[in-house]
N, C-alpha and C. Protein backbone atom coordinates (compact mmCIF):
# COMPACT_ATOMS: atom_id res chain seq x y z
N MET A 1 0.84 -1.17 0.00
CA MET A 1 0.00 0.00 0.00
C MET A 1 0.89 1.24 0.00
N LEU A 2 0.46 2.23 -0.71
CA LEU A 2 1.22 3.46 -0.91
C LEU A 2 1.40 4.24 0.39
N GLY A 3 0.32 4.47 1.12
CA GLY A 3 0.37 5.29 2.33
C GLY A 3 1.33 4.79 3.39
N PRO A 4 1.25 3.51 3.75
CA PRO A 4 2.18 3.00 4.76
C PRO A 4 3.65 3.11 4.35
N LYS A 5 3.94 2.99 3.04
CA LYS A 5 5.33 3.14 2.60
C LYS A 5 5.81 4.58 2.80
N ILE A 6 4.94 5.53 2.50
CA ILE A 6 5.29 6.94 2.72
C ILE A 6 5.56 7.16 4.20
N ARG A 7 4.67 6.66 5.07
CA ARG A 7 4.85 6.82 6.52
C ARG A 7 6.14 6.16 6.99
N GLU A 8 6.39 4.93 6.52
CA GLU A 8 7.59 4.20 6.94
C GLU A 8 8.86 4.98 6.59
N ILE A 9 8.95 5.48 5.37
CA ILE A 9 10.15 6.21 4.95
C ILE A 9 10.26 7.54 5.68
N ARG A 10 9.13 8.23 5.88
CA ARG A 10 9.13 9.49 6.63
C ARG A 10 9.67 9.26 8.03
N GLN A 11 9.19 8.19 8.67
CA GLN A 11 9.62 7.90 10.03
C GLN A 11 11.09 7.46 10.08
N GLU A 12 11.53 6.70 9.06
CA GLU A 12 12.95 6.32 8.97
C GLU A 12 13.83 7.56 8.90
N ARG A 13 13.34 8.60 8.25
CA ARG A 13 14.09 9.86 8.11
C ARG A 13 13.96 10.75 9.34
N GLY A 14 13.13 10.32 10.30
CA GLY A 14 12.96 11.08 11.53
C GLY A 14 12.16 12.36 11.35
N LEU A 15 11.27 12.37 10.37
CA LEU A 15 10.48 13.57 10.09
C LEU A 15 9.06 13.44 10.65
N THR A 16 8.54 14.53 11.17
CA THR A 16 7.13 14.59 11.54
C THR A 16 6.32 14.96 10.31
N LEU A 17 5.00 14.80 10.41
CA LEU A 17 4.14 15.22 9.30
C LEU A 17 4.31 16.72 9.02
N ASN A 18 4.45 17.51 10.08
CA ASN A 18 4.62 18.96 9.89
C ASN A 18 5.93 19.29 9.18
N GLU A 19 7.00 18.56 9.51
CA GLU A 19 8.27 18.80 8.84
C GLU A 19 8.21 18.40 7.36
N LEU A 20 7.56 17.27 7.08
CA LEU A 20 7.40 16.86 5.68
C LEU A 20 6.51 17.86 4.95
N SER A 21 5.51 18.37 5.63
CA SER A 21 4.63 19.38 5.05
C SER A 21 5.41 20.62 4.62
N GLN A 22 6.31 21.06 5.47
CA GLN A 22 7.13 22.24 5.14
C GLN A 22 8.03 21.97 3.94
N LYS A 23 8.59 20.78 3.87
CA LYS A 23 9.50 20.44 2.77
C LYS A 23 8.77 20.29 1.43
N THR A 24 7.50 19.86 1.48
CA THR A 24 6.76 19.57 0.25
C THR A 24 5.77 20.67 -0.15
N GLN A 25 5.48 21.57 0.79
CA GLN A 25 4.43 22.58 0.58
C GLN A 25 3.05 21.93 0.44
N LEU A 26 2.89 20.73 1.00
CA LEU A 26 1.60 20.05 1.08
C LEU A 26 1.16 20.10 2.54
N THR A 27 -0.13 20.19 2.80
CA THR A 27 -0.58 20.31 4.18
C THR A 27 -0.37 19.01 4.95
N ALA A 28 -0.18 19.16 6.26
CA ALA A 28 -0.01 17.98 7.12
C ALA A 28 -1.26 17.11 7.08
N GLY A 29 -2.43 17.73 6.99
CA GLY A 29 -3.68 16.98 6.90
C GLY A 29 -3.74 16.13 5.64
N TYR A 30 -3.30 16.72 4.52
CA TYR A 30 -3.27 15.98 3.25
C TYR A 30 -2.30 14.80 3.36
N LEU A 31 -1.12 15.05 3.91
CA LEU A 31 -0.13 13.98 4.06
C LEU A 31 -0.65 12.88 4.98
N SER A 32 -1.35 13.26 6.05
CA SER A 32 -1.92 12.27 6.96
C SER A 32 -2.94 11.40 6.24
N GLN A 33 -3.77 12.02 5.42
CA GLN A 33 -4.76 11.25 4.66
C GLN A 33 -4.08 10.30 3.67
N LEU A 34 -2.98 10.75 3.05
CA LEU A 34 -2.23 9.88 2.15
C LEU A 34 -1.70 8.67 2.90
N GLU A 35 -1.07 8.92 4.05
CA GLU A 35 -0.46 7.84 4.82
C GLU A 35 -1.50 6.83 5.31
N ARG A 36 -2.73 7.27 5.49
CA ARG A 36 -3.79 6.36 5.95
C ARG A 36 -4.60 5.79 4.78
N ASN A 37 -4.13 6.03 3.55
CA ASN A 37 -4.78 5.52 2.33
C ASN A 37 -6.22 5.99 2.18
N ILE A 38 -6.51 7.17 2.69
CA ILE A 38 -7.85 7.74 2.53
C ILE A 38 -7.98 8.36 1.14
N ILE A 39 -6.89 8.96 0.68
CA ILE A 39 -6.86 9.57 -0.65
C ILE A 39 -5.62 9.10 -1.39
N GLU A 40 -5.62 9.27 -2.71
CA GLU A 40 -4.45 8.95 -3.53
C GLU A 40 -3.80 10.25 -3.97
N PRO A 41 -2.47 10.28 -3.98
CA PRO A 41 -1.79 11.51 -4.37
C PRO A 41 -1.78 11.70 -5.88
N SER A 42 -1.65 12.96 -6.30
CA SER A 42 -1.39 13.23 -7.71
C SER A 42 0.07 12.86 -7.96
N LEU A 43 0.44 12.71 -9.21
CA LEU A 43 1.82 12.42 -9.56
C LEU A 43 2.73 13.56 -9.09
N SER A 44 2.25 14.78 -9.22
CA SER A 44 3.03 15.94 -8.80
C SER A 44 3.29 15.90 -7.29
N SER A 45 2.26 15.58 -6.50
CA SER A 45 2.43 15.49 -5.04
C SER A 45 3.37 14.36 -4.66
N LEU A 46 3.22 13.22 -5.32
CA LEU A 46 4.09 12.08 -5.04
C LEU A 46 5.55 12.42 -5.36
N ARG A 47 5.75 13.17 -6.43
CA ARG A 47 7.11 13.60 -6.80
C ARG A 47 7.68 14.53 -5.72
N LYS A 48 6.89 15.46 -5.20
CA LYS A 48 7.35 16.36 -4.13
C LYS A 48 7.75 15.56 -2.89
N ILE A 49 6.93 14.58 -2.56
CA ILE A 49 7.22 13.74 -1.38
C ILE A 49 8.50 12.95 -1.60
N SER A 50 8.68 12.38 -2.79
CA SER A 50 9.89 11.59 -3.04
C SER A 50 11.14 12.45 -2.96
N VAL A 51 11.07 13.67 -3.48
CA VAL A 51 12.22 14.58 -3.42
C VAL A 51 12.52 14.94 -1.96
N ALA A 52 11.48 15.28 -1.20
CA ALA A 52 11.66 15.66 0.20
C ALA A 52 12.25 14.53 1.03
N LEU A 53 11.87 13.28 0.70
CA LEU A 53 12.37 12.13 1.46
C LEU A 53 13.66 11.55 0.88
N GLY A 54 14.07 12.05 -0.29
CA GLY A 54 15.32 11.60 -0.89
C GLY A 54 15.27 10.19 -1.45
N VAL A 55 14.11 9.80 -1.98
CA VAL A 55 13.97 8.48 -2.59
C VAL A 55 13.32 8.63 -3.96
N PRO A 56 13.58 7.69 -4.87
CA PRO A 56 12.91 7.76 -6.17
C PRO A 56 11.41 7.51 -6.00
N ILE A 57 10.63 8.10 -6.87
CA ILE A 57 9.18 8.03 -6.78
C ILE A 57 8.67 6.59 -6.77
N TYR A 58 9.33 5.71 -7.51
CA TYR A 58 8.83 4.34 -7.60
C TYR A 58 9.05 3.56 -6.31
N THR A 59 9.82 4.07 -5.38
CA THR A 59 10.01 3.39 -4.10
C THR A 59 8.68 3.16 -3.40
N PHE A 60 7.78 4.13 -3.54
CA PHE A 60 6.48 4.02 -2.88
C PHE A 60 5.58 3.00 -3.54
N LEU A 61 5.89 2.64 -4.77
CA LEU A 61 4.99 1.80 -5.54
C LEU A 61 5.51 0.38 -5.75
N SER A 62 6.72 0.08 -5.27
CA SER A 62 7.26 -1.26 -5.47
C SER A 62 6.66 -2.22 -4.46
N ASN A 63 6.64 -3.50 -4.81
CA ASN A 63 6.03 -4.50 -3.92
C ASN A 63 7.03 -5.24 -3.05
N GLY A 64 8.31 -4.94 -3.18
CA GLY A 64 9.32 -5.51 -2.30
C GLY A 64 9.89 -6.85 -2.69
N GLU A 65 9.40 -7.50 -3.74
CA GLU A 65 9.98 -8.77 -4.17
C GLU A 65 11.36 -8.53 -4.76
N LYS A 66 12.26 -9.52 -4.57
CA LYS A 66 13.63 -9.36 -5.07
C LYS A 66 14.02 -10.55 -5.92
N ASN A 67 14.59 -10.28 -7.10
CA ASN A 67 15.13 -11.31 -7.96
C ASN A 67 16.31 -10.66 -8.68
N HIS A 68 17.51 -11.18 -8.44
CA HIS A 68 18.71 -10.48 -8.88
C HIS A 68 19.27 -10.92 -10.22
N VAL A 69 18.84 -12.03 -10.76
CA VAL A 69 19.44 -12.52 -11.99
C VAL A 69 18.40 -12.58 -13.10
N LEU A 70 17.51 -13.53 -13.03
CA LEU A 70 16.49 -13.70 -14.06
C LEU A 70 15.22 -12.98 -13.61
N ILE A 71 14.70 -12.15 -14.49
CA ILE A 71 13.43 -11.48 -14.21
C ILE A 71 12.46 -11.88 -15.33
N PRO A 72 11.66 -12.91 -15.09
CA PRO A 72 10.70 -13.33 -16.12
C PRO A 72 9.74 -12.19 -16.45
N SER A 73 9.29 -12.14 -17.70
CA SER A 73 8.45 -11.04 -18.14
C SER A 73 7.18 -10.89 -17.31
N ASP A 74 6.66 -11.98 -16.81
CA ASP A 74 5.44 -11.89 -16.01
C ASP A 74 5.71 -11.58 -14.53
N LYS A 75 7.00 -11.42 -14.17
CA LYS A 75 7.37 -11.12 -12.78
C LYS A 75 8.02 -9.75 -12.63
N ARG A 76 8.03 -8.95 -13.68
CA ARG A 76 8.65 -7.62 -13.59
C ARG A 76 7.90 -6.76 -12.58
N LYS A 77 8.65 -5.91 -11.90
CA LYS A 77 8.02 -4.93 -11.02
C LYS A 77 7.38 -3.88 -11.91
N LYS A 78 6.10 -3.66 -11.69
CA LYS A 78 5.33 -2.74 -12.52
C LYS A 78 4.88 -1.57 -11.68
N LEU A 79 4.91 -0.41 -12.29
CA LEU A 79 4.45 0.80 -11.63
C LEU A 79 3.34 1.42 -12.47
N ASP A 80 2.19 1.55 -11.88
CA ASP A 80 1.11 2.30 -12.48
C ASP A 80 0.93 3.52 -11.58
N LEU A 81 1.48 4.64 -12.00
CA LEU A 81 1.43 5.83 -11.18
C LEU A 81 0.02 6.39 -11.15
N PRO A 82 -0.42 6.90 -9.99
CA PRO A 82 -1.75 7.47 -9.90
C PRO A 82 -1.90 8.66 -10.85
N ASN A 83 -3.04 8.76 -11.46
CA ASN A 83 -3.37 9.89 -12.34
C ASN A 83 -2.33 10.08 -13.44
N SER A 84 -1.81 9.01 -13.98
CA SER A 84 -0.78 9.09 -15.01
C SER A 84 -1.14 8.18 -16.18
N SER A 85 -0.66 8.53 -17.36
CA SER A 85 -0.93 7.75 -18.57
C SER A 85 0.26 6.90 -18.98
N ILE A 86 1.24 6.78 -18.09
CA ILE A 86 2.42 5.98 -18.40
C ILE A 86 2.55 4.84 -17.40
N THR A 87 2.95 3.68 -17.89
CA THR A 87 3.23 2.55 -17.00
C THR A 87 4.69 2.15 -17.19
N TYR A 88 5.30 1.71 -16.11
CA TYR A 88 6.70 1.32 -16.13
C TYR A 88 6.83 -0.13 -15.69
N GLU A 89 7.78 -0.84 -16.31
CA GLU A 89 8.16 -2.18 -15.88
C GLU A 89 9.67 -2.20 -15.78
N PHE A 90 10.20 -2.67 -14.66
CA PHE A 90 11.64 -2.70 -14.46
C PHE A 90 12.22 -3.97 -15.06
N LEU A 91 13.15 -3.78 -16.00
CA LEU A 91 13.84 -4.91 -16.63
C LEU A 91 15.05 -5.34 -15.80
N THR A 92 15.46 -4.49 -14.89
CA THR A 92 16.57 -4.77 -13.97
C THR A 92 16.02 -4.69 -12.55
N PRO A 93 16.77 -5.19 -11.57
CA PRO A 93 16.33 -5.00 -10.19
C PRO A 93 16.23 -3.51 -9.87
N MET A 94 15.30 -3.16 -9.01
CA MET A 94 15.14 -1.76 -8.62
C MET A 94 16.24 -1.36 -7.65
N ALA A 95 16.83 -0.22 -7.89
CA ALA A 95 17.90 0.26 -7.02
C ALA A 95 17.42 0.53 -5.61
N SER A 96 16.14 0.82 -5.44
CA SER A 96 15.61 1.13 -4.11
C SER A 96 15.53 -0.10 -3.21
N ASP A 97 15.59 -1.29 -3.78
CA ASP A 97 15.62 -2.49 -2.95
C ASP A 97 16.95 -2.51 -2.20
N ARG A 98 16.88 -2.50 -0.91
CA ARG A 98 18.08 -2.29 -0.09
C ARG A 98 19.21 -3.28 -0.37
N GLU A 99 18.89 -4.51 -0.77
CA GLU A 99 19.93 -5.50 -1.02
C GLU A 99 20.60 -5.35 -2.38
N ASN A 100 19.99 -4.58 -3.27
CA ASN A 100 20.54 -4.45 -4.62
C ASN A 100 21.70 -3.47 -4.66
N GLN A 101 22.68 -3.82 -5.41
CA GLN A 101 23.80 -2.93 -5.66
C GLN A 101 23.89 -2.69 -7.16
N THR A 102 22.77 -2.38 -7.76
CA THR A 102 22.72 -2.19 -9.21
C THR A 102 23.47 -0.94 -9.61
N LYS A 103 24.02 -0.98 -10.81
CA LYS A 103 24.77 0.17 -11.33
C LYS A 103 24.01 0.87 -12.44
N MET A 104 22.83 0.34 -12.79
CA MET A 104 21.96 0.97 -13.77
C MET A 104 20.56 0.44 -13.57
N GLU A 105 19.62 1.17 -14.13
CA GLU A 105 18.25 0.68 -14.16
C GLU A 105 17.77 0.75 -15.60
N ILE A 106 17.08 -0.29 -16.03
CA ILE A 106 16.50 -0.31 -17.36
C ILE A 106 15.00 -0.47 -17.18
N ILE A 107 14.25 0.44 -17.77
CA ILE A 107 12.81 0.50 -17.57
C ILE A 107 12.11 0.45 -18.92
N TYR A 108 11.16 -0.46 -19.05
CA TYR A 108 10.29 -0.57 -20.21
C TYR A 108 9.05 0.25 -19.89
N TYR A 109 8.61 1.07 -20.83
CA TYR A 109 7.43 1.89 -20.54
C TYR A 109 6.47 1.91 -21.72
N GLN A 110 5.22 2.21 -21.40
CA GLN A 110 4.18 2.41 -22.40
C GLN A 110 3.46 3.71 -22.05
N LEU A 111 3.34 4.58 -23.04
CA LEU A 111 2.68 5.88 -22.85
C LEU A 111 1.45 5.93 -23.73
N GLU A 112 0.32 6.20 -23.12
CA GLU A 112 -0.95 6.25 -23.83
C GLU A 112 -0.95 7.35 -24.89
N PRO A 113 -1.81 7.23 -25.92
CA PRO A 113 -1.91 8.27 -26.95
C PRO A 113 -2.27 9.64 -26.36
N GLU A 114 -1.73 10.67 -26.99
CA GLU A 114 -1.99 12.06 -26.64
C GLU A 114 -1.84 12.32 -25.14
N SER A 115 -0.75 11.85 -24.57
CA SER A 115 -0.52 12.07 -23.14
C SER A 115 0.95 12.33 -22.85
N TRP A 116 1.19 12.90 -21.68
CA TRP A 116 2.54 13.27 -21.22
C TRP A 116 3.11 12.19 -20.30
N SER A 117 4.42 12.14 -20.25
CA SER A 117 5.11 11.22 -19.34
C SER A 117 4.94 11.67 -17.89
N SER A 118 4.81 12.98 -17.67
CA SER A 118 4.64 13.52 -16.32
C SER A 118 4.06 14.93 -16.43
N GLU A 119 3.43 15.37 -15.33
CA GLU A 119 2.86 16.71 -15.30
C GLU A 119 3.96 17.77 -15.36
N ASP A 120 5.04 17.52 -14.66
CA ASP A 120 6.15 18.48 -14.55
C ASP A 120 7.40 17.92 -15.20
N PHE A 121 8.37 18.78 -15.43
CA PHE A 121 9.67 18.32 -15.90
C PHE A 121 10.32 17.47 -14.82
N ILE A 122 11.03 16.43 -15.23
CA ILE A 122 11.75 15.55 -14.32
C ILE A 122 13.23 15.95 -14.37
N ILE A 123 13.85 16.02 -13.22
CA ILE A 123 15.29 16.31 -13.13
C ILE A 123 15.89 15.27 -12.18
N HIS A 124 16.95 14.60 -12.62
CA HIS A 124 17.63 13.65 -11.74
C HIS A 124 19.13 13.68 -12.02
N SER A 125 19.87 13.26 -11.01
CA SER A 125 21.33 13.30 -11.11
C SER A 125 21.87 11.99 -11.68
N ALA A 126 21.35 11.62 -12.83
CA ALA A 126 21.81 10.42 -13.55
C ALA A 126 21.62 10.66 -15.03
N ASP A 127 22.51 10.10 -15.84
CA ASP A 127 22.33 10.15 -17.28
C ASP A 127 21.25 9.14 -17.66
N GLU A 128 20.56 9.42 -18.77
CA GLU A 128 19.47 8.56 -19.21
C GLU A 128 19.50 8.45 -20.72
N CYS A 129 19.22 7.27 -21.22
CA CYS A 129 19.10 7.04 -22.65
C CYS A 129 17.71 6.46 -22.91
N ILE A 130 16.97 7.09 -23.82
CA ILE A 130 15.63 6.64 -24.17
C ILE A 130 15.68 6.06 -25.58
N PHE A 131 15.12 4.86 -25.74
CA PHE A 131 15.02 4.18 -27.03
C PHE A 131 13.55 3.93 -27.33
N ILE A 132 13.10 4.30 -28.53
CA ILE A 132 11.70 4.12 -28.90
C ILE A 132 11.54 2.81 -29.69
N ILE A 133 10.74 1.90 -29.16
CA ILE A 133 10.45 0.62 -29.80
C ILE A 133 9.29 0.77 -30.78
N GLN A 134 8.27 1.51 -30.37
CA GLN A 134 7.07 1.69 -31.20
C GLN A 134 6.54 3.10 -31.01
N GLY A 135 6.09 3.72 -32.09
CA GLY A 135 5.50 5.04 -32.00
C GLY A 135 6.55 6.12 -32.03
N SER A 136 6.23 7.25 -31.41
CA SER A 136 7.15 8.38 -31.35
C SER A 136 6.83 9.22 -30.13
N ILE A 137 7.76 10.09 -29.80
CA ILE A 137 7.55 11.05 -28.72
C ILE A 137 8.06 12.41 -29.15
N GLU A 138 7.50 13.42 -28.54
CA GLU A 138 8.07 14.77 -28.59
C GLU A 138 8.77 14.93 -27.25
N LEU A 139 10.09 14.96 -27.28
CA LEU A 139 10.88 15.05 -26.05
C LEU A 139 11.29 16.50 -25.83
N TYR A 140 10.99 17.00 -24.64
CA TYR A 140 11.34 18.37 -24.29
C TYR A 140 12.49 18.32 -23.29
N LEU A 141 13.62 18.88 -23.71
CA LEU A 141 14.79 19.01 -22.83
C LEU A 141 14.92 20.50 -22.55
N GLY A 142 14.40 20.92 -21.41
CA GLY A 142 14.33 22.34 -21.14
C GLY A 142 13.46 22.99 -22.22
N GLU A 143 14.00 23.95 -22.94
CA GLU A 143 13.26 24.65 -23.99
C GLU A 143 13.37 23.96 -25.35
N GLN A 144 14.26 22.98 -25.48
CA GLN A 144 14.46 22.32 -26.77
C GLN A 144 13.48 21.16 -26.95
N LYS A 145 12.99 21.01 -28.17
CA LYS A 145 12.05 19.92 -28.50
C LYS A 145 12.70 19.03 -29.54
N TYR A 146 12.63 17.71 -29.32
CA TYR A 146 13.14 16.73 -30.25
C TYR A 146 12.01 15.76 -30.60
N ILE A 147 11.94 15.37 -31.86
CA ILE A 147 11.02 14.32 -32.29
C ILE A 147 11.84 13.02 -32.33
N VAL A 148 11.44 12.04 -31.54
CA VAL A 148 12.15 10.77 -31.44
C VAL A 148 11.17 9.69 -31.91
N THR A 149 11.52 9.01 -33.00
CA THR A 149 10.60 8.04 -33.60
C THR A 149 11.12 6.61 -33.44
N GLN A 150 10.31 5.67 -33.85
CA GLN A 150 10.63 4.25 -33.74
C GLN A 150 12.05 3.96 -34.24
N GLY A 151 12.84 3.30 -33.38
CA GLY A 151 14.22 2.96 -33.73
C GLY A 151 15.23 4.01 -33.31
N ASP A 152 14.78 5.23 -32.97
CA ASP A 152 15.68 6.30 -32.55
C ASP A 152 15.97 6.19 -31.06
N SER A 153 17.09 6.77 -30.67
CA SER A 153 17.41 6.89 -29.25
C SER A 153 17.92 8.30 -29.00
N ILE A 154 17.83 8.73 -27.76
CA ILE A 154 18.35 10.04 -27.39
C ILE A 154 18.97 9.92 -26.00
N TYR A 155 20.10 10.59 -25.84
CA TYR A 155 20.86 10.56 -24.59
C TYR A 155 20.61 11.86 -23.85
N ILE A 156 20.26 11.76 -22.57
CA ILE A 156 19.96 12.93 -21.75
C ILE A 156 20.98 13.02 -20.63
N ARG A 157 21.68 14.12 -20.57
CA ARG A 157 22.69 14.31 -19.51
C ARG A 157 22.01 14.56 -18.16
N GLU A 158 22.71 14.21 -17.08
CA GLU A 158 22.18 14.41 -15.74
C GLU A 158 21.77 15.86 -15.51
N ASN A 159 20.78 16.04 -14.65
CA ASN A 159 20.26 17.34 -14.24
C ASN A 159 19.65 18.16 -15.37
N THR A 160 19.25 17.50 -16.45
CA THR A 160 18.57 18.18 -17.55
C THR A 160 17.07 18.00 -17.36
N PRO A 161 16.32 19.10 -17.21
CA PRO A 161 14.87 18.97 -17.09
C PRO A 161 14.29 18.35 -18.36
N HIS A 162 13.44 17.34 -18.21
CA HIS A 162 12.88 16.68 -19.38
C HIS A 162 11.52 16.06 -19.09
N ARG A 163 10.75 15.94 -20.14
CA ARG A 163 9.49 15.21 -20.15
C ARG A 163 9.13 14.98 -21.59
N PHE A 164 8.21 14.05 -21.84
CA PHE A 164 7.86 13.78 -23.23
C PHE A 164 6.37 13.55 -23.41
N TYR A 165 5.97 13.67 -24.69
CA TYR A 165 4.56 13.62 -25.07
C TYR A 165 4.37 12.65 -26.22
N ASN A 166 3.31 11.85 -26.17
CA ASN A 166 2.96 10.96 -27.27
C ASN A 166 1.94 11.69 -28.14
N PRO A 167 2.34 12.14 -29.33
CA PRO A 167 1.44 12.93 -30.17
C PRO A 167 0.40 12.11 -30.93
N SER A 168 0.52 10.79 -30.93
CA SER A 168 -0.40 9.95 -31.70
C SER A 168 -1.79 9.97 -31.07
N ALA A 169 -2.80 10.01 -31.92
CA ALA A 169 -4.18 9.96 -31.44
C ALA A 169 -4.65 8.53 -31.17
N SER A 170 -3.90 7.53 -31.66
CA SER A 170 -4.40 6.17 -31.54
C SER A 170 -3.37 5.13 -31.09
N GLN A 171 -2.08 5.43 -31.15
CA GLN A 171 -1.06 4.41 -30.87
C GLN A 171 -0.29 4.73 -29.60
N LYS A 172 -0.12 3.70 -28.75
CA LYS A 172 0.75 3.83 -27.58
C LYS A 172 2.18 3.99 -28.06
N THR A 173 2.96 4.73 -27.29
CA THR A 173 4.40 4.74 -27.50
C THR A 173 4.99 3.72 -26.54
N ILE A 174 5.89 2.89 -27.06
CA ILE A 174 6.57 1.90 -26.24
C ILE A 174 8.06 2.16 -26.35
N GLY A 175 8.74 2.16 -25.21
CA GLY A 175 10.17 2.42 -25.24
C GLY A 175 10.89 1.81 -24.05
N ILE A 176 12.19 2.01 -24.07
CA ILE A 176 13.05 1.57 -22.99
C ILE A 176 13.92 2.75 -22.57
N SER A 177 14.07 2.90 -21.27
CA SER A 177 14.90 3.96 -20.71
C SER A 177 15.96 3.32 -19.83
N THR A 178 17.21 3.70 -20.04
CA THR A 178 18.31 3.23 -19.21
C THR A 178 18.82 4.40 -18.40
N ILE A 179 18.91 4.22 -17.09
CA ILE A 179 19.34 5.28 -16.19
C ILE A 179 20.60 4.80 -15.46
N CYS A 180 21.63 5.65 -15.51
CA CYS A 180 22.91 5.28 -14.91
C CYS A 180 23.59 6.51 -14.32
N PRO A 181 23.98 6.49 -13.07
CA PRO A 181 23.70 5.45 -12.09
C PRO A 181 22.23 5.45 -11.72
N PRO A 182 21.75 4.39 -11.07
CA PRO A 182 20.34 4.34 -10.70
C PRO A 182 19.98 5.48 -9.77
N ILE A 183 18.73 5.84 -9.78
CA ILE A 183 18.24 6.93 -8.92
C ILE A 183 17.73 6.30 -7.63
N TYR A 184 18.37 6.61 -6.53
CA TYR A 184 17.96 6.03 -5.23
C TYR A 184 16.95 6.91 -4.55
């Protein structure tokens, strides 16, 4: 469950609800409702919480299973972010699993037609390479826009604000993203 994971990590960090509220600019009441699974957070709120707690957003959504060598396709860790049109499947072990010492993360994703990868620009201290398997994306790196189509790849340097859009009215975009080093 999402709420108890947020509470567990907040408490591990020694933060009160009020302290987390100050760091995220979200009210303590809202955070309390999240932790008790009364409401679901927006992707933007979940991102603020992950930044404030110093963990990747998917930490809250993982189920805790560990497999370090073979990851069968039907056993991949999957993330369906609340209020989002993108789904992620981890092709490598998740770096947030405490026992993993991974040096990269590879993520398979599907983005619904006419939708964004995220509400806000994403910034992380890791390089990333995106490869498009099917469809295309409009990738925004700060103010620059790139059209990345099937078979193309693009390399994104660390700390570059980015997000992407699937311009197709009918086709999902499918791709793979490699992040190195992993985002903890």
